[in-house]
Structure formats: structure tokens, C-alpha cells
Amino acid sequence: MVKYFSNDTDIKNGWEHVVSAFWQRYPNPFSTHVLTEDVVYREVTADHRLLSRRLLTKTNRLPRWAEKVFPGNMARCVYIVEDSIVDPVAKSLTTFAWNLNHTTLMSVEERCVFTESADQPASTSIRREAWISSGVYGFSRPIQEFGLARFKSNQTKALKGLEHVLSDLHGEAAPRPLRDPVKEPLGKAKEAAKTLASVAPSTKPQQYI
């Protein structure tokens, strides 16, 4: 069984501003669990769409009950692939993200679509969907429930982070300093980036998003 989540949100900012903030949303005070981000592929197509693939490294803290069940040396970082398509003509940004490691423990796939709001002028509608599954026999249901709760919490933080960046951009705040690199996660992220081609055969962002 797969846990499904969907949510619709409107942000009182124009689509162009939201897309600009999307690319600048890390680091921010609400997303300290995001450690690194790297662009591994980018292309502008003949019809002027921007295709991107990024590799993100995030912390992966387990709940207390899970720490008693799973090995203590389990990696506490999770690698996320994020494909995105920006269509400036249709004014849409579509992203699809999924985790590369810990997929037996829990697999999370997220699809997000940013479009101009049809009901509110100078606003952007965000449609977010997630599919959460687990292959751990006997523990799949509590793991999925935990994953769903964490996803909801992280998405609330993500929205606050995006609004924080939008506030900075509108206020013409001074550029925010980049976070000091976390050496161990960064090194692991680079290793993951090198093996990304073997995990996902095509380096080109998936067109089905």
C-alpha cells in the first residue's frame, strides 16, 4: 500500500517572482535540514523550456522507535534527485523528486506544479502531491505514517522558506551568505553525483513530469 498526499496552496506573488525564488530558496532559516545542492544537468530546449536535474543532500533523522530497530550505522543523510521543467510560455514550473538511498526503508516521490492562479491576480498556485511507500515487512504502515507526518512538516517549512526568500527579494535585501559547507555530507553528495548515471540511466530530466 502507498500513502498519498495532496495539497493546494496560493502564494500572493506573481509566477515569475515565485520561480525566481524557487532557484534561490536554499539556504533559508526554515530548511536547515537541506545540506547541499548541486546541478547535474541543465538544458534549454528548442521550445524555450528549461530542463534541470539537481542532487540534494538532506538530513535523515529516524524516529526513536526506529533507532532501536535499524542499525546504528545507517547513513543519516538522504540523497534526493529533483527534475524540473520551466515553461515560460505556459507559465508553469513542474518538479518531480525522489530519494536515491534508503528506498527499502521508505520511498518518497513528490510532484509539484507552480502555475499562475486562475482566481487571484498576481498570485501563484502550487499543487503538491506525494507518494510514500515502504518495503520493510511488518513495519511498513508505521514507517509510511511517519514519512507522511514528516513530509507534511517539511512542506510547511518549505513554504515558509519560499516566502522568506520572496520577502528578501522584494525587500532587495543584501545577498544571503552561503552556508559553510558540511564536509562529510558534501563529499558523499559528490560521490552520489558521480554514480547518478548508473542509478538513473538517462541524465536528462524525465519528461513525464
Protein backbone atom coordinates (compact mmCIF):
# COMPACT_ATOMS: atom_id res chain seq x y z
CA MET A 1 0.00 0.00 0.00
CA VAL A 2 1.17 3.53 -0.79
CA LYS A 3 0.32 6.63 1.25
CA TYR A 4 -0.87 9.50 -0.95
CA PHE A 5 -0.87 13.17 -0.01
CA SER A 6 -2.03 16.23 -1.95
CA ASN A 7 -2.23 19.90 -1.11
CA ASP A 8 -3.16 23.11 -2.93
CA THR A 9 -1.75 26.49 -1.88
CA ASP A 10 -1.80 30.02 -3.26
CA ILE A 11 1.08 32.46 -2.75
CA LYS A 12 0.39 36.17 -3.15
CA ASN A 13 3.28 36.71 -5.55
CA GLY A 14 3.49 36.61 -9.32
CA TRP A 15 4.64 33.43 -11.04
CA GLU A 16 7.92 34.97 -12.26
CA HIS A 17 8.84 36.05 -8.72
CA VAL A 18 7.99 32.64 -7.27
CA VAL A 19 10.06 30.80 -9.88
CA SER A 20 13.00 33.15 -9.25
CA ALA A 21 12.72 32.50 -5.50
CA PHE A 22 12.46 28.74 -6.14
CA TRP A 23 16.01 28.67 -7.53
CA GLN A 24 17.31 30.74 -4.62
CA ARG A 25 15.43 29.10 -1.77
CA TYR A 26 18.48 27.45 -0.14
CA PRO A 27 19.77 28.20 2.38
CA ASN A 28 16.98 29.69 4.46
CA PRO A 29 16.11 29.52 8.18
CA PHE A 30 13.29 27.02 7.60
CA SER A 31 15.28 24.44 5.60
CA THR A 32 18.32 23.74 7.75
CA HIS A 33 17.83 20.01 7.01
CA VAL A 34 18.97 20.68 3.43
CA LEU A 35 22.76 20.33 3.48
CA THR A 36 23.86 20.58 -0.17
CA GLU A 37 22.50 21.17 -3.67
CA ASP A 38 24.25 20.51 -6.99
CA VAL A 39 23.08 20.93 -10.58
CA VAL A 40 23.99 17.78 -12.55
CA TYR A 41 22.15 18.60 -15.80
CA ARG A 42 20.63 21.67 -17.42
CA GLU A 43 19.30 22.37 -20.91
CA VAL A 44 17.17 24.93 -22.73
CA THR A 45 15.05 23.15 -25.33
CA ALA A 46 14.10 24.37 -28.78
CA ASP A 47 10.67 25.41 -27.46
CA HIS A 48 12.39 27.51 -24.74
CA ARG A 49 11.70 25.23 -21.79
CA LEU A 50 14.36 24.91 -19.11
CA LEU A 51 15.12 21.33 -18.04
CA SER A 52 17.16 20.79 -14.89
CA ARG A 53 18.28 17.92 -12.69
CA ARG A 54 19.65 18.62 -9.24
CA LEU A 55 21.05 16.45 -6.47
CA LEU A 56 20.15 17.48 -2.92
CA THR A 57 21.51 16.11 0.35
CA LYS A 58 19.24 16.24 3.38
CA THR A 59 19.43 15.01 6.95
CA ASN A 60 17.55 11.79 7.62
CA ARG A 61 16.83 11.54 11.33
CA LEU A 62 14.92 8.40 12.30
CA PRO A 63 12.18 8.35 14.95
CA ARG A 64 13.26 6.99 18.33
CA TRP A 65 11.40 3.71 17.92
CA ALA A 66 13.12 3.12 14.57
CA GLU A 67 16.58 3.74 16.03
CA LYS A 68 16.03 0.68 18.24
CA VAL A 69 15.15 -1.49 15.24
CA PHE A 70 17.52 -0.39 12.48
CA PRO A 71 21.34 -0.46 12.52
CA GLY A 72 23.06 2.37 14.37
CA ASN A 73 25.50 2.87 11.49
CA MET A 74 22.71 3.60 8.97
CA ALA A 75 23.51 6.74 6.99
CA ARG A 76 21.81 9.80 8.41
CA CYS A 77 21.79 11.60 5.04
CA VAL A 78 19.40 11.03 2.18
CA TYR A 79 20.15 11.90 -1.45
CA ILE A 80 17.29 13.44 -3.43
CA VAL A 81 17.07 13.77 -7.22
CA GLU A 82 14.93 16.69 -8.37
CA ASP A 83 13.89 17.02 -12.02
CA SER A 84 12.22 20.23 -13.12
CA ILE A 85 10.71 21.80 -16.22
CA VAL A 86 10.14 25.54 -16.51
CA ASP A 87 7.76 26.52 -19.32
CA PRO A 88 7.81 30.35 -19.66
CA VAL A 89 5.12 30.31 -22.35
CA ALA A 90 2.56 28.32 -20.33
CA LYS A 91 3.96 29.90 -17.14
CA SER A 92 4.38 26.64 -15.31
CA LEU A 93 7.13 25.07 -13.23
CA THR A 94 6.82 21.33 -12.68
CA THR A 95 9.13 19.37 -10.39
CA PHE A 96 9.43 15.68 -9.61
CA ALA A 97 11.70 14.48 -6.77
CA TRP A 98 12.57 11.09 -5.29
CA ASN A 99 15.15 9.63 -2.90
CA LEU A 100 18.10 7.60 -4.15
CA ASN A 101 19.06 5.77 -0.96
CA HIS A 102 17.07 4.17 1.89
CA THR A 103 14.45 3.19 -0.69
CA THR A 104 13.67 -0.13 1.02
CA LEU A 105 13.10 1.65 4.31
CA MET A 106 11.00 4.38 2.71
CA SER A 107 10.49 5.71 -0.80
CA VAL A 108 9.09 9.22 -1.24
CA GLU A 109 8.12 10.62 -4.62
CA GLU A 110 6.92 14.20 -4.88
CA ARG A 111 5.34 16.08 -7.76
CA CYS A 112 4.83 19.83 -7.56
CA VAL A 113 3.31 22.22 -10.10
CA PHE A 114 3.58 26.02 -9.89
CA THR A 115 1.17 27.93 -12.16
CA GLU A 116 -0.43 31.34 -12.37
CA SER A 117 -3.52 31.49 -10.17
CA ALA A 118 -6.74 31.46 -12.16
CA ASP A 119 -8.71 33.05 -9.33
CA GLN A 120 -6.35 35.59 -7.77
CA PRO A 121 -4.41 38.13 -9.85
CA ALA A 122 -0.63 38.36 -9.29
CA SER A 123 -0.73 35.10 -7.34
CA THR A 124 0.76 31.65 -7.88
CA SER A 125 -0.98 28.32 -7.30
CA ILE A 126 1.03 25.38 -6.01
CA ARG A 127 -0.26 21.83 -6.41
CA ARG A 128 1.80 19.36 -4.39
CA GLU A 129 1.45 15.56 -4.42
CA ALA A 130 3.44 12.84 -2.68
CA TRP A 131 3.54 9.04 -2.76
CA ILE A 132 5.13 7.32 0.25
CA SER A 133 5.86 3.60 0.44
CA SER A 134 7.97 1.19 2.48
CA GLY A 135 9.30 -2.30 1.80
CA VAL A 136 10.03 -3.23 5.44
CA TYR A 137 7.89 -6.24 6.26
CA GLY A 138 5.88 -5.77 9.44
CA PHE A 139 6.79 -2.10 9.79
CA SER A 140 5.60 -0.62 6.51
CA ARG A 141 2.47 1.03 7.95
CA PRO A 142 4.14 2.92 10.85
CA ILE A 143 7.03 3.89 8.57
CA GLN A 144 4.60 5.29 5.99
CA GLU A 145 2.70 7.17 8.70
CA PHE A 146 5.95 8.63 9.99
CA GLY A 147 7.02 9.53 6.44
CA LEU A 148 3.69 11.24 5.77
CA ALA A 149 3.89 13.27 9.00
CA ARG A 150 7.47 14.30 8.25
CA PHE A 151 6.58 15.19 4.66
CA LYS A 152 3.75 17.45 5.82
CA SER A 153 6.04 19.13 8.36
CA ASN A 154 8.81 19.63 5.80
CA GLN A 155 6.41 21.07 3.23
CA THR A 156 5.14 23.59 5.76
CA LYS A 157 8.75 24.61 6.35
CA ALA A 158 9.42 24.66 2.60
CA LEU A 159 6.54 27.08 2.03
CA LYS A 160 7.74 29.33 4.85
CA GLY A 161 11.25 29.20 3.39
CA LEU A 162 9.98 30.16 -0.06
CA GLU A 163 8.03 33.07 1.41
CA HIS A 164 11.14 34.11 3.34
CA VAL A 165 13.19 34.24 0.13
CA LEU A 166 10.40 36.13 -1.66
CA SER A 167 10.40 38.66 1.16
CA ASP A 168 14.15 39.08 0.78
CA LEU A 169 13.85 39.56 -2.98
CA HIS A 170 11.03 42.10 -2.72
CA GLY A 171 12.83 43.95 0.04
CA GLU A 172 16.03 43.96 -2.02
CA ALA A 173 17.87 42.54 0.94
CA ALA A 174 21.61 42.04 0.75
CA PRO A 175 22.61 38.66 -0.72
CA ARG A 176 22.40 35.95 1.92
CA PRO A 177 25.77 34.33 2.68
CA LEU A 178 26.16 30.74 1.62
CA ARG A 179 26.22 28.24 4.45
CA ASP A 180 29.61 26.84 5.41
CA PRO A 181 29.98 23.51 3.58
CA VAL A 182 29.42 20.39 5.63
CA LYS A 183 32.47 18.40 4.61
CA GLU A 184 31.24 14.86 5.14
CA PRO A 185 27.78 15.25 3.53
CA LEU A 186 29.28 17.29 0.69
CA GLY A 187 31.84 14.60 -0.05
CA LYS A 188 29.13 11.96 -0.03
CA ALA A 189 26.96 14.11 -2.27
CA LYS A 190 29.76 14.36 -4.82
CA GLU A 191 30.19 10.59 -4.74
CA ALA A 192 26.45 10.16 -5.25
CA ALA A 193 26.54 12.60 -8.15
CA LYS A 194 29.24 10.51 -9.84
CA THR A 195 27.11 7.38 -9.60
CA LEU A 196 23.85 9.11 -10.51
CA ALA A 197 24.10 7.95 -14.12
CA SER A 198 24.12 4.32 -13.00
CA VAL A 199 21.14 4.86 -10.74
CA ALA A 200 19.15 6.79 -13.34
CA PRO A 201 20.25 5.62 -16.82
CA SER A 202 19.42 8.88 -18.56
CA THR A 203 20.88 12.11 -17.21
CA LYS A 204 18.10 14.04 -18.91
CA PRO A 205 15.20 15.14 -16.67
CA GLN A 206 12.17 12.92 -17.00
CA GLN A 207 9.64 14.24 -19.49
CA TYR A 208 6.62 12.64 -17.82
CA ILE A 209 6.56 15.21 -15.04
